[in-house]
Amino acid sequence: MHFDLTDLRLFVAVAEAGSITGGAARAALSLAAASTRVRDMEHQAGAALLERGRRGVVLTPAGRTLLRHARQVKRQVELMRGELGEYADGLRATVRLLANTAALGEWLPELLAQFLVAHPRIDLALIETGSEDAVAALREDAADLAVVAGHAALDGLQVDAFRQDRLVLVVPVDHSLAAAPGTRLAALLDQDFIGLPDDSALQRHLQAQAALLGARLRLRAQVQGVDTVCRMVACGAGVAILPEAAARRSSVRERLAQVPLEDAWAPRQLWIATRADTALPLPAQRLLQWLRARAGAAPD
């Protein structure tokens, strides 16, 4: 049985994308080449690795076993590249970092840009995702680091406090709730909301909280970017639930009021998380040290 590194990288990409087409794009291969490689891998393995369907692919038990080993091989290659990168000019390494909406939109951009400037041979694969999904990716060895909220199950992971974050209701200054001392999501289900896209980690989190109440948020519009949400709220198109720090920095903040949310999930501690039982590649160690040294500091 012989799988080369391209095979293994492709298989991981297919598994993460949920389709051969998506995996081929991530691996920078044509669909025909990717399909041929997957068929050859199945032939060598002597077993089906994927169950193909109209909506994509699902891993078979054999496929899940291969995925686990493929990720281990990828990690070993990254460890090697990271350590050799200390000695060789031009050798680059990539750190896989996942973060929730609040961290990625508010706290991380400047810190990560400064890190890239200070470490010109390290690249970042940065993905916004919900805290629970990020933690699951860490456990599956699909990411090096994650910045997540404490409502995710962090047991068994190495964690460091990063920032404190709070979700608030954002309304126009003349809204009937603008002077309220606090509110809960259950009291807001009759409101019209302006939200982020469905693929936003924050939007998925809010929809999940509404579902726990047996309801759905009434979304009048979903737009890209917190500042765009704030501008529409300021014009009276609806209300929004956003990270407090992000709303505070909005370009229309003087036209908005922030109402504390009293739900237990509204105040959030953000954590830097990584697997405790796996040695991080040296580039990921560099990023972890960088973030630890700046934990709790005010954003630039």
C-alpha atoms as a PDB file:
ATOM      1  CA  MET A   1       0.000   0.000   0.000  1.00  0.00           C
ATOM      2  CA  HIS A   2       1.507   3.312  -1.078  1.00  0.00           C
ATOM      3  CA  PHE A   3      -0.053   6.728  -0.483  1.00  0.00           C
ATOM      4  CA  ASP A   4       2.047   9.812  -1.203  1.00  0.00           C
ATOM      5  CA  LEU A   5       1.726  13.158   0.569  1.00  0.00           C
ATOM      6  CA  THR A   6      -0.447  14.565  -2.212  1.00  0.00           C
ATOM      7  CA  ASP A   7      -2.854  11.643  -1.749  1.00  0.00           C
ATOM      8  CA  LEU A   8      -3.052  12.215   1.989  1.00  0.00           C
ATOM      9  CA  ARG A   9      -3.474  15.981   1.699  1.00  0.00           C
ATOM     10  CA  LEU A  10      -6.215  15.442  -0.885  1.00  0.00           C
ATOM     11  CA  PHE A  11      -8.036  12.939   1.300  1.00  0.00           C
ATOM     12  CA  VAL A  12      -7.994  15.300   4.279  1.00  0.00           C
ATOM     13  CA  ALA A  13      -9.268  18.107   2.031  1.00  0.00           C
ATOM     14  CA  VAL A  14     -12.091  15.921   0.657  1.00  0.00           C
ATOM     15  CA  ALA A  15     -13.099  14.858   4.172  1.00  0.00           C
ATOM     16  CA  GLU A  16     -13.146  18.455   5.438  1.00  0.00           C
ATOM     17  CA  ALA A  17     -14.961  19.817   2.372  1.00  0.00           C
ATOM     18  CA  GLY A  18     -17.507  16.995   2.299  1.00  0.00           C
ATOM     19  CA  SER A  19     -17.080  16.505  -1.436  1.00  0.00           C
ATOM     20  CA  ILE A  20     -14.457  15.475  -3.967  1.00  0.00           C
ATOM     21  CA  THR A  21     -15.066  18.707  -5.880  1.00  0.00           C
ATOM     22  CA  GLY A  22     -14.437  20.835  -2.792  1.00  0.00           C
ATOM     23  CA  GLY A  23     -11.441  18.744  -1.794  1.00  0.00           C
ATOM     24  CA  ALA A  24      -9.922  19.067  -5.248  1.00  0.00           C
ATOM     25  CA  ALA A  25     -10.250  22.847  -5.078  1.00  0.00           C
ATOM     26  CA  ARG A  26      -8.608  22.973  -1.631  1.00  0.00           C
ATOM     27  CA  ALA A  27      -5.782  20.722  -2.816  1.00  0.00           C
ATOM     28  CA  ALA A  28      -5.298  22.724  -6.051  1.00  0.00           C
ATOM     29  CA  LEU A  29      -6.043  19.683  -8.239  1.00  0.00           C
ATOM     30  CA  SER A  30      -8.424  19.243 -11.139  1.00  0.00           C
ATOM     31  CA  LEU A  31     -11.578  17.280 -10.378  1.00  0.00           C
ATOM     32  CA  ALA A  32     -10.512  14.532 -12.785  1.00  0.00           C
ATOM     33  CA  ALA A  33      -7.092  14.182 -11.139  1.00  0.00           C
ATOM     34  CA  ALA A  34      -8.614  14.185  -7.652  1.00  0.00           C
ATOM     35  CA  SER A  35     -11.208  11.550  -8.583  1.00  0.00           C
ATOM     36  CA  THR A  36      -8.515   9.317 -10.075  1.00  0.00           C
ATOM     37  CA  ARG A  37      -6.362   9.633  -6.942  1.00  0.00           C
ATOM     38  CA  VAL A  38      -9.283   8.771  -4.663  1.00  0.00           C
ATOM     39  CA  ARG A  39     -10.160   5.703  -6.757  1.00  0.00           C
ATOM     40  CA  ASP A  40      -6.512   4.591  -6.698  1.00  0.00           C
ATOM     41  CA  MET A  41      -6.412   5.013  -2.916  1.00  0.00           C
ATOM     42  CA  GLU A  42      -9.527   2.876  -2.534  1.00  0.00           C
ATOM     43  CA  HIS A  43      -8.007   0.249  -4.817  1.00  0.00           C
ATOM     44  CA  GLN A  44      -4.804   0.163  -2.763  1.00  0.00           C
ATOM     45  CA  ALA A  45      -6.732   0.077   0.514  1.00  0.00           C
ATOM     46  CA  GLY A  46      -8.923  -2.747  -0.755  1.00  0.00           C
ATOM     47  CA  ALA A  47     -11.991  -1.014   0.698  1.00  0.00           C
ATOM     48  CA  ALA A  48     -14.327   1.886  -0.024  1.00  0.00           C
ATOM     49  CA  LEU A  49     -13.141   5.035   1.711  1.00  0.00           C
ATOM     50  CA  LEU A  50     -16.094   7.254   0.790  1.00  0.00           C
ATOM     51  CA  GLU A  51     -19.833   6.833   0.422  1.00  0.00           C
ATOM     52  CA  ARG A  52     -20.855   9.012  -2.505  1.00  0.00           C
ATOM     53  CA  GLY A  53     -24.211  10.759  -2.588  1.00  0.00           C
ATOM     54  CA  ARG A  54     -25.966  13.590  -4.386  1.00  0.00           C
ATOM     55  CA  ARG A  55     -24.971  16.048  -1.660  1.00  0.00           C
ATOM     56  CA  GLY A  56     -21.344  15.001  -1.350  1.00  0.00           C
ATOM     57  CA  VAL A  57     -19.400  12.247   0.353  1.00  0.00           C
ATOM     58  CA  VAL A  58     -19.376  10.617   3.782  1.00  0.00           C
ATOM     59  CA  LEU A  59     -16.426   8.697   5.193  1.00  0.00           C
ATOM     60  CA  THR A  60     -16.735   4.954   5.619  1.00  0.00           C
ATOM     61  CA  PRO A  61     -15.174   3.302   8.699  1.00  0.00           C
ATOM     62  CA  ALA A  62     -12.068   2.639   6.578  1.00  0.00           C
ATOM     63  CA  GLY A  63     -12.112   6.256   5.466  1.00  0.00           C
ATOM     64  CA  ARG A  64     -12.241   7.507   9.054  1.00  0.00           C
ATOM     65  CA  THR A  65      -9.228   5.346   9.879  1.00  0.00           C
ATOM     66  CA  LEU A  66      -7.306   6.721   6.906  1.00  0.00           C
ATOM     67  CA  LEU A  67      -8.281  10.284   7.836  1.00  0.00           C
ATOM     68  CA  ARG A  68      -6.867   9.865  11.332  1.00  0.00           C
ATOM     69  CA  HIS A  69      -3.548   8.565   9.983  1.00  0.00           C
ATOM     70  CA  ALA A  70      -3.438  11.168   7.190  1.00  0.00           C
ATOM     71  CA  ARG A  71      -3.780  13.966   9.728  1.00  0.00           C
ATOM     72  CA  GLN A  72      -1.025  12.450  11.847  1.00  0.00           C
ATOM     73  CA  VAL A  73       1.283  12.302   8.821  1.00  0.00           C
ATOM     74  CA  LYS A  74       0.428  15.900   7.909  1.00  0.00           C
ATOM     75  CA  ARG A  75       1.193  17.000  11.447  1.00  0.00           C
ATOM     76  CA  GLN A  76       4.562  15.209  11.404  1.00  0.00           C
ATOM     77  CA  VAL A  77       5.436  16.921   8.124  1.00  0.00           C
ATOM     78  CA  GLU A  78       4.449  20.272   9.630  1.00  0.00           C
ATOM     79  CA  LEU A  79       6.567  19.561  12.706  1.00  0.00           C
ATOM     80  CA  MET A  80       9.517  18.805  10.437  1.00  0.00           C
ATOM     81  CA  ARG A  81       8.967  21.918   8.340  1.00  0.00           C
ATOM     82  CA  GLY A  82       8.637  24.084  11.426  1.00  0.00           C
ATOM     83  CA  GLU A  83      11.846  22.798  12.974  1.00  0.00           C
ATOM     84  CA  LEU A  84      13.811  22.974   9.706  1.00  0.00           C
ATOM     85  CA  GLY A  85      12.425  26.455   9.157  1.00  0.00           C
ATOM     86  CA  GLU A  86      14.571  27.625  12.058  1.00  0.00           C
ATOM     87  CA  TYR A  87      17.628  26.895   9.901  1.00  0.00           C
ATOM     88  CA  ALA A  88      16.576  27.175   6.265  1.00  0.00           C
ATOM     89  CA  ASP A  89      15.769  30.417   4.457  1.00  0.00           C
ATOM     90  CA  GLY A  90      12.649  30.289   2.306  1.00  0.00           C
ATOM     91  CA  LEU A  91      11.029  27.257   3.957  1.00  0.00           C
ATOM     92  CA  ARG A  92       7.495  28.215   4.974  1.00  0.00           C
ATOM     93  CA  ALA A  93       5.052  26.709   7.429  1.00  0.00           C
ATOM     94  CA  THR A  94       1.326  27.171   7.984  1.00  0.00           C
ATOM     95  CA  VAL A  95      -0.497  27.366  11.328  1.00  0.00           C
ATOM     96  CA  ARG A  96      -4.168  26.337  11.369  1.00  0.00           C
ATOM     97  CA  LEU A  97      -6.128  28.727  13.608  1.00  0.00           C
ATOM     98  CA  LEU A  98      -9.888  28.625  14.193  1.00  0.00           C
ATOM     99  CA  ALA A  99     -11.779  31.442  15.918  1.00  0.00           C
ATOM    100  CA  ASN A 100     -15.342  32.436  16.713  1.00  0.00           C
ATOM    101  CA  THR A 101     -16.957  35.580  15.307  1.00  0.00           C
ATOM    102  CA  ALA A 102     -16.174  37.819  18.275  1.00  0.00           C
ATOM    103  CA  ALA A 103     -12.499  36.887  18.370  1.00  0.00           C
ATOM    104  CA  LEU A 104     -11.981  37.083  14.627  1.00  0.00           C
ATOM    105  CA  GLY A 105     -13.937  40.274  14.110  1.00  0.00           C
ATOM    106  CA  GLU A 106     -12.754  42.240  17.115  1.00  0.00           C
ATOM    107  CA  TRP A 107      -9.637  40.986  18.872  1.00  0.00           C
ATOM    108  CA  LEU A 108      -7.460  39.071  16.440  1.00  0.00           C
ATOM    109  CA  PRO A 109      -6.921  41.057  13.200  1.00  0.00           C
ATOM    110  CA  GLU A 110      -4.206  43.414  14.458  1.00  0.00           C
ATOM    111  CA  LEU A 111      -2.550  40.774  16.652  1.00  0.00           C
ATOM    112  CA  LEU A 112      -2.338  38.308  13.777  1.00  0.00           C
ATOM    113  CA  ALA A 113      -1.138  40.935  11.296  1.00  0.00           C
ATOM    114  CA  GLN A 114       1.636  41.923  13.719  1.00  0.00           C
ATOM    115  CA  PHE A 115       2.537  38.248  14.142  1.00  0.00           C
ATOM    116  CA  LEU A 116       2.826  37.751  10.379  1.00  0.00           C
ATOM    117  CA  VAL A 117       5.055  40.808  10.068  1.00  0.00           C
ATOM    118  CA  ALA A 118       7.282  39.528  12.876  1.00  0.00           C
ATOM    119  CA  HIS A 119       7.389  35.964  11.445  1.00  0.00           C
ATOM    120  CA  PRO A 120       7.722  36.269   7.652  1.00  0.00           C
ATOM    121  CA  ARG A 121       8.111  32.495   7.107  1.00  0.00           C
ATOM    122  CA  ILE A 122       4.890  31.551   8.895  1.00  0.00           C
ATOM    123  CA  ASP A 123       1.522  31.662   7.143  1.00  0.00           C
ATOM    124  CA  LEU A 124      -1.923  31.380   8.739  1.00  0.00           C
ATOM    125  CA  ALA A 125      -4.888  29.279   7.663  1.00  0.00           C
ATOM    126  CA  LEU A 126      -7.541  31.266   9.532  1.00  0.00           C
ATOM    127  CA  ILE A 127     -11.152  30.075   9.630  1.00  0.00           C
ATOM    128  CA  GLU A 128     -14.173  31.541  11.406  1.00  0.00           C
ATOM    129  CA  THR A 129     -16.282  28.863  13.039  1.00  0.00           C
ATOM    130  CA  GLY A 130     -18.424  28.286  16.101  1.00  0.00           C
ATOM    131  CA  SER A 131     -16.710  27.482  19.375  1.00  0.00           C
ATOM    132  CA  GLU A 132     -18.105  23.939  19.546  1.00  0.00           C
ATOM    133  CA  ASP A 133     -16.970  23.190  15.985  1.00  0.00           C
ATOM    134  CA  ALA A 134     -13.538  24.661  16.699  1.00  0.00           C
ATOM    135  CA  VAL A 135     -13.110  22.461  19.762  1.00  0.00           C
ATOM    136  CA  ALA A 136     -14.194  19.413  17.770  1.00  0.00           C
ATOM    137  CA  ALA A 137     -11.601  20.276  15.106  1.00  0.00           C
ATOM    138  CA  LEU A 138      -8.891  20.462  17.769  1.00  0.00           C
ATOM    139  CA  ARG A 139      -9.837  17.045  19.106  1.00  0.00           C
ATOM    140  CA  GLU A 140      -9.759  15.605  15.573  1.00  0.00           C
ATOM    141  CA  ASP A 141      -6.329  17.171  14.944  1.00  0.00           C
ATOM    142  CA  ALA A 142      -7.819  19.341  12.170  1.00  0.00           C
ATOM    143  CA  ALA A 143      -6.471  22.561  13.708  1.00  0.00           C
ATOM    144  CA  ASP A 144      -3.465  23.682  15.738  1.00  0.00           C
ATOM    145  CA  LEU A 145      -5.057  26.430  17.847  1.00  0.00           C
ATOM    146  CA  ALA A 146      -8.506  27.883  18.438  1.00  0.00           C
ATOM    147  CA  VAL A 147      -9.886  30.979  20.142  1.00  0.00           C
ATOM    148  CA  VAL A 148     -13.256  29.986  21.568  1.00  0.00           C
ATOM    149  CA  ALA A 149     -15.911  30.910  24.101  1.00  0.00           C
ATOM    150  CA  GLY A 150     -16.118  29.043  27.389  1.00  0.00           C
ATOM    151  CA  HIS A 151     -19.534  27.528  26.677  1.00  0.00           C
ATOM    152  CA  ALA A 152     -17.748  24.933  24.534  1.00  0.00           C
ATOM    153  CA  ALA A 153     -16.606  21.746  26.291  1.00  0.00           C
ATOM    154  CA  LEU A 154     -12.920  22.422  26.934  1.00  0.00           C
ATOM    155  CA  ASP A 155     -12.155  19.429  29.139  1.00  0.00           C
ATOM    156  CA  GLY A 156      -8.938  17.664  28.183  1.00  0.00           C
ATOM    157  CA  LEU A 157      -7.625  20.670  26.257  1.00  0.00           C
ATOM    158  CA  GLN A 158      -4.880  23.100  27.230  1.00  0.00           C
ATOM    159  CA  VAL A 159      -6.488  26.533  27.640  1.00  0.00           C
ATOM    160  CA  ASP A 160      -5.307  30.061  28.402  1.00  0.00           C
ATOM    161  CA  ALA A 161      -7.561  33.033  29.145  1.00  0.00           C
ATOM    162  CA  PHE A 162      -7.541  35.479  26.223  1.00  0.00           C
ATOM    163  CA  ARG A 163     -10.271  38.155  26.426  1.00  0.00           C
ATOM    164  CA  GLN A 164     -13.601  38.800  28.113  1.00  0.00           C
ATOM    165  CA  ASP A 165     -16.481  39.306  25.745  1.00  0.00           C
ATOM    166  CA  ARG A 166     -20.202  40.023  26.196  1.00  0.00           C
ATOM    167  CA  LEU A 167     -23.123  39.856  23.804  1.00  0.00           C
ATOM    168  CA  VAL A 168     -25.517  42.802  23.958  1.00  0.00           C
ATOM    169  CA  LEU A 169     -28.722  43.881  22.269  1.00  0.00           C
ATOM    170  CA  VAL A 170     -28.066  46.811  19.918  1.00  0.00           C
ATOM    171  CA  VAL A 171     -30.972  49.147  19.142  1.00  0.00           C
ATOM    172  CA  PRO A 172     -31.434  52.710  17.817  1.00  0.00           C
ATOM    173  CA  VAL A 173     -31.175  55.366  20.543  1.00  0.00           C
ATOM    174  CA  ASP A 174     -34.900  56.156  20.170  1.00  0.00           C
ATOM    175  CA  HIS A 175     -35.997  52.504  20.423  1.00  0.00           C
ATOM    176  CA  SER A 176     -38.429  51.538  23.178  1.00  0.00           C
ATOM    177  CA  LEU A 177     -35.788  49.239  24.711  1.00  0.00           C
ATOM    178  CA  ALA A 178     -32.926  51.733  24.556  1.00  0.00           C
ATOM    179  CA  ALA A 179     -33.180  52.640  28.245  1.00  0.00           C
ATOM    180  CA  ALA A 180     -33.900  49.121  29.505  1.00  0.00           C
ATOM    181  CA  PRO A 181     -31.516  47.962  32.264  1.00  0.00           C
ATOM    182  CA  GLY A 182     -31.379  44.512  30.661  1.00  0.00           C
ATOM    183  CA  THR A 183     -33.316  41.963  28.647  1.00  0.00           C
ATOM    184  CA  ARG A 184     -33.359  38.301  27.648  1.00  0.00           C
ATOM    185  CA  LEU A 185     -33.605  36.625  24.268  1.00  0.00           C
ATOM    186  CA  ALA A 186     -36.993  35.147  25.194  1.00  0.00           C
ATOM    187  CA  ALA A 187     -38.386  38.678  25.453  1.00  0.00           C
ATOM    188  CA  LEU A 188     -37.037  39.640  22.015  1.00  0.00           C
ATOM    189  CA  LEU A 189     -38.602  36.990  19.811  1.00  0.00           C
ATOM    190  CA  ASP A 190     -41.218  39.449  18.513  1.00  0.00           C
ATOM    191  CA  GLN A 191     -38.507  41.866  17.345  1.00  0.00           C
ATOM    192  CA  ASP A 192     -37.236  42.211  13.770  1.00  0.00           C
ATOM    193  CA  PHE A 193     -33.522  41.398  13.628  1.00  0.00           C
ATOM    194  CA  ILE A 194     -30.657  42.394  11.390  1.00  0.00           C
ATOM    195  CA  GLY A 195     -28.189  39.506  11.401  1.00  0.00           C
ATOM    196  CA  LEU A 196     -24.950  38.232   9.999  1.00  0.00           C
ATOM    197  CA  PRO A 197     -24.947  35.517   7.281  1.00  0.00           C
ATOM    198  CA  ASP A 198     -25.940  31.966   8.173  1.00  0.00           C
ATOM    199  CA  ASP A 199     -22.326  30.818   7.895  1.00  0.00           C
ATOM    200  CA  SER A 200     -21.288  33.253  10.630  1.00  0.00           C
ATOM    201  CA  ALA A 201     -20.390  31.490  13.880  1.00  0.00           C
ATOM    202  CA  LEU A 202     -22.262  34.128  15.897  1.00  0.00           C
ATOM    203  CA  GLN A 203     -25.401  33.827  13.788  1.00  0.00           C
ATOM    204  CA  ARG A 204     -25.415  30.047  14.133  1.00  0.00           C
ATOM    205  CA  HIS A 205     -25.011  30.442  17.903  1.00  0.00           C
ATOM    206  CA  LEU A 206     -27.955  32.850  18.161  1.00  0.00           C
ATOM    207  CA  GLN A 207     -30.178  30.658  16.010  1.00  0.00           C
ATOM    208  CA  ALA A 208     -29.308  27.699  18.246  1.00  0.00           C
ATOM    209  CA  GLN A 209     -30.250  29.664  21.385  1.00  0.00           C
ATOM    210  CA  ALA A 210     -33.552  30.684  19.808  1.00  0.00           C
ATOM    211  CA  ALA A 211     -34.213  27.042  18.857  1.00  0.00           C
ATOM    212  CA  LEU A 212     -33.760  26.051  22.500  1.00  0.00           C
ATOM    213  CA  LEU A 213     -36.664  28.413  23.208  1.00  0.00           C
ATOM    214  CA  GLY A 214     -38.743  26.733  20.509  1.00  0.00           C
ATOM    215  CA  ALA A 215     -38.526  29.739  18.209  1.00  0.00           C
ATOM    216  CA  ARG A 216     -36.633  31.321  15.326  1.00  0.00           C
ATOM    217  CA  LEU A 217     -35.266  34.836  15.062  1.00  0.00           C
ATOM    218  CA  ARG A 218     -37.279  37.073  12.747  1.00  0.00           C
ATOM    219  CA  LEU A 219     -34.550  38.187  10.339  1.00  0.00           C
ATOM    220  CA  ARG A 220     -35.350  41.118   8.105  1.00  0.00           C
ATOM    221  CA  ALA A 221     -31.895  41.075   6.541  1.00  0.00           C
ATOM    222  CA  GLN A 222     -28.559  39.298   6.856  1.00  0.00           C
ATOM    223  CA  VAL A 223     -25.476  41.264   5.858  1.00  0.00           C
ATOM    224  CA  GLN A 224     -21.715  40.892   5.903  1.00  0.00           C
ATOM    225  CA  GLY A 225     -19.858  42.639   8.711  1.00  0.00           C
ATOM    226  CA  VAL A 226     -20.728  43.953  12.156  1.00  0.00           C
ATOM    227  CA  ASP A 227     -20.453  47.598  11.095  1.00  0.00           C
ATOM    228  CA  THR A 228     -22.974  47.049   8.283  1.00  0.00           C
ATOM    229  CA  VAL A 229     -25.363  45.476  10.807  1.00  0.00           C
ATOM    230  CA  CYS A 230     -24.937  48.485  13.099  1.00  0.00           C
ATOM    231  CA  ARG A 231     -25.581  50.982  10.305  1.00  0.00           C
ATOM    232  CA  MET A 232     -28.848  49.255   9.399  1.00  0.00           C
ATOM    233  CA  VAL A 233     -29.912  49.077  13.042  1.00  0.00           C
ATOM    234  CA  ALA A 234     -29.129  52.787  13.461  1.00  0.00           C
ATOM    235  CA  CYS A 235     -31.543  53.525  10.590  1.00  0.00           C
ATOM    236  CA  GLY A 236     -34.351  51.652  12.382  1.00  0.00           C
ATOM    237  CA  ALA A 237     -34.498  48.543  10.187  1.00  0.00           C
ATOM    238  CA  GLY A 238     -34.312  46.191  13.160  1.00  0.00           C
ATOM    239  CA  VAL A 239     -32.310  45.240  16.237  1.00  0.00           C
ATOM    240  CA  ALA A 240     -29.225  43.050  16.570  1.00  0.00           C
ATOM    241  CA  ILE A 241     -27.274  40.972  19.071  1.00  0.00           C
ATOM    242  CA  LEU A 242     -23.548  41.628  18.779  1.00  0.00           C
ATOM    243  CA  PRO A 243     -20.319  41.515  20.794  1.00  0.00           C
ATOM    244  CA  GLU A 244     -20.221  44.587  23.022  1.00  0.00           C
ATOM    245  CA  ALA A 245     -16.713  45.662  21.999  1.00  0.00           C
ATOM    246  CA  ALA A 246     -17.552  45.440  18.305  1.00  0.00           C
ATOM    247  CA  ALA A 247     -20.714  47.537  18.713  1.00  0.00           C
ATOM    248  CA  ARG A 248     -18.759  50.059  20.756  1.00  0.00           C
ATOM    249  CA  ARG A 249     -16.340  50.567  17.861  1.00  0.00           C
ATOM    250  CA  SER A 250     -19.054  50.908  15.217  1.00  0.00           C
ATOM    251  CA  SER A 251     -18.921  53.912  12.910  1.00  0.00           C
ATOM    252  CA  VAL A 252     -22.481  54.821  14.031  1.00  0.00           C
ATOM    253  CA  ARG A 253     -22.069  54.097  17.759  1.00  0.00           C
ATOM    254  CA  GLU A 254     -23.445  57.500  18.783  1.00  0.00           C
ATOM    255  CA  ARG A 255     -26.773  56.548  17.163  1.00  0.00           C
ATOM    256  CA  LEU A 256     -27.006  53.219  18.990  1.00  0.00           C
ATOM    257  CA  ALA A 257     -27.873  52.026  22.473  1.00  0.00           C
ATOM    258  CA  GLN A 258     -26.571  48.809  24.001  1.00  0.00           C
ATOM    259  CA  VAL A 259     -28.801  46.803  26.328  1.00  0.00           C
ATOM    260  CA  PRO A 260     -27.166  44.083  28.484  1.00  0.00           C
ATOM    261  CA  LEU A 261     -28.379  40.567  27.783  1.00  0.00           C
ATOM    262  CA  GLU A 262     -29.192  38.693  30.996  1.00  0.00           C
ATOM    263  CA  ASP A 263     -29.036  35.213  29.450  1.00  0.00           C
ATOM    264  CA  ALA A 264     -26.422  32.945  31.002  1.00  0.00           C
ATOM    265  CA  TRP A 265     -24.633  32.591  27.647  1.00  0.00           C
ATOM    266  CA  ALA A 266     -24.269  36.351  27.039  1.00  0.00           C
ATOM    267  CA  PRO A 267     -21.126  37.037  29.135  1.00  0.00           C
ATOM    268  CA  ARG A 268     -18.291  35.009  27.655  1.00  0.00           C
ATOM    269  CA  GLN A 269     -14.691  34.326  28.477  1.00  0.00           C
ATOM    270  CA  LEU A 270     -12.633  33.737  25.365  1.00  0.00           C
ATOM    271  CA  TRP A 271      -9.925  31.095  25.602  1.00  0.00           C
ATOM    272  CA  ILE A 272      -6.924  30.113  23.534  1.00  0.00           C
ATOM    273  CA  ALA A 273      -7.231  26.345  23.234  1.00  0.00           C
ATOM    274  CA  THR A 274      -5.019  23.594  21.888  1.00  0.00           C
ATOM    275  CA  ARG A 275      -4.676  19.857  22.328  1.00  0.00           C
ATOM    276  CA  ALA A 276      -2.884  18.981  25.531  1.00  0.00           C
ATOM    277  CA  ASP A 277      -1.684  15.586  24.331  1.00  0.00           C
ATOM    278  CA  THR A 278      -0.079  16.603  21.049  1.00  0.00           C
ATOM    279  CA  ALA A 279       3.200  18.451  20.566  1.00  0.00           C
ATOM    280  CA  LEU A 280       2.512  21.603  18.592  1.00  0.00           C
ATOM    281  CA  PRO A 281       4.592  22.311  15.495  1.00  0.00           C
ATOM    282  CA  LEU A 282       7.139  25.007  16.253  1.00  0.00           C
ATOM    283  CA  PRO A 283       5.321  27.689  14.183  1.00  0.00           C
ATOM    284  CA  ALA A 284       2.120  27.018  16.155  1.00  0.00           C
ATOM    285  CA  GLN A 285       4.116  27.282  19.381  1.00  0.00           C
ATOM    286  CA  ARG A 286       5.322  30.688  18.213  1.00  0.00           C
ATOM    287  CA  LEU A 287       1.736  31.854  17.645  1.00  0.00           C
ATOM    288  CA  LEU A 288       0.573  30.433  20.979  1.00  0.00           C
ATOM    289  CA  GLN A 289       3.352  32.296  22.800  1.00  0.00           C
ATOM    290  CA  TRP A 290       2.499  35.480  20.878  1.00  0.00           C
ATOM    291  CA  LEU A 291      -1.178  35.330  21.866  1.00  0.00           C
ATOM    292  CA  ARG A 292      -0.416  34.386  25.468  1.00  0.00           C
ATOM    293  CA  ALA A 293       1.876  37.394  25.828  1.00  0.00           C
ATOM    294  CA  ARG A 294      -0.945  39.679  24.660  1.00  0.00           C
ATOM    295  CA  ALA A 295      -3.858  38.044  26.480  1.00  0.00           C
ATOM    296  CA  GLY A 296      -6.070  40.487  28.329  1.00  0.00           C
ATOM    297  CA  ALA A 297      -4.535  43.556  26.700  1.00  0.00           C
ATOM    298  CA  ALA A 298      -6.750  46.238  25.179  1.00  0.00           C
ATOM    299  CA  PRO A 299      -7.052  45.987  21.389  1.00  0.00           C
ATOM    300  CA  ASP A 300      -4.946  48.411  19.348  1.00  0.00           C
END
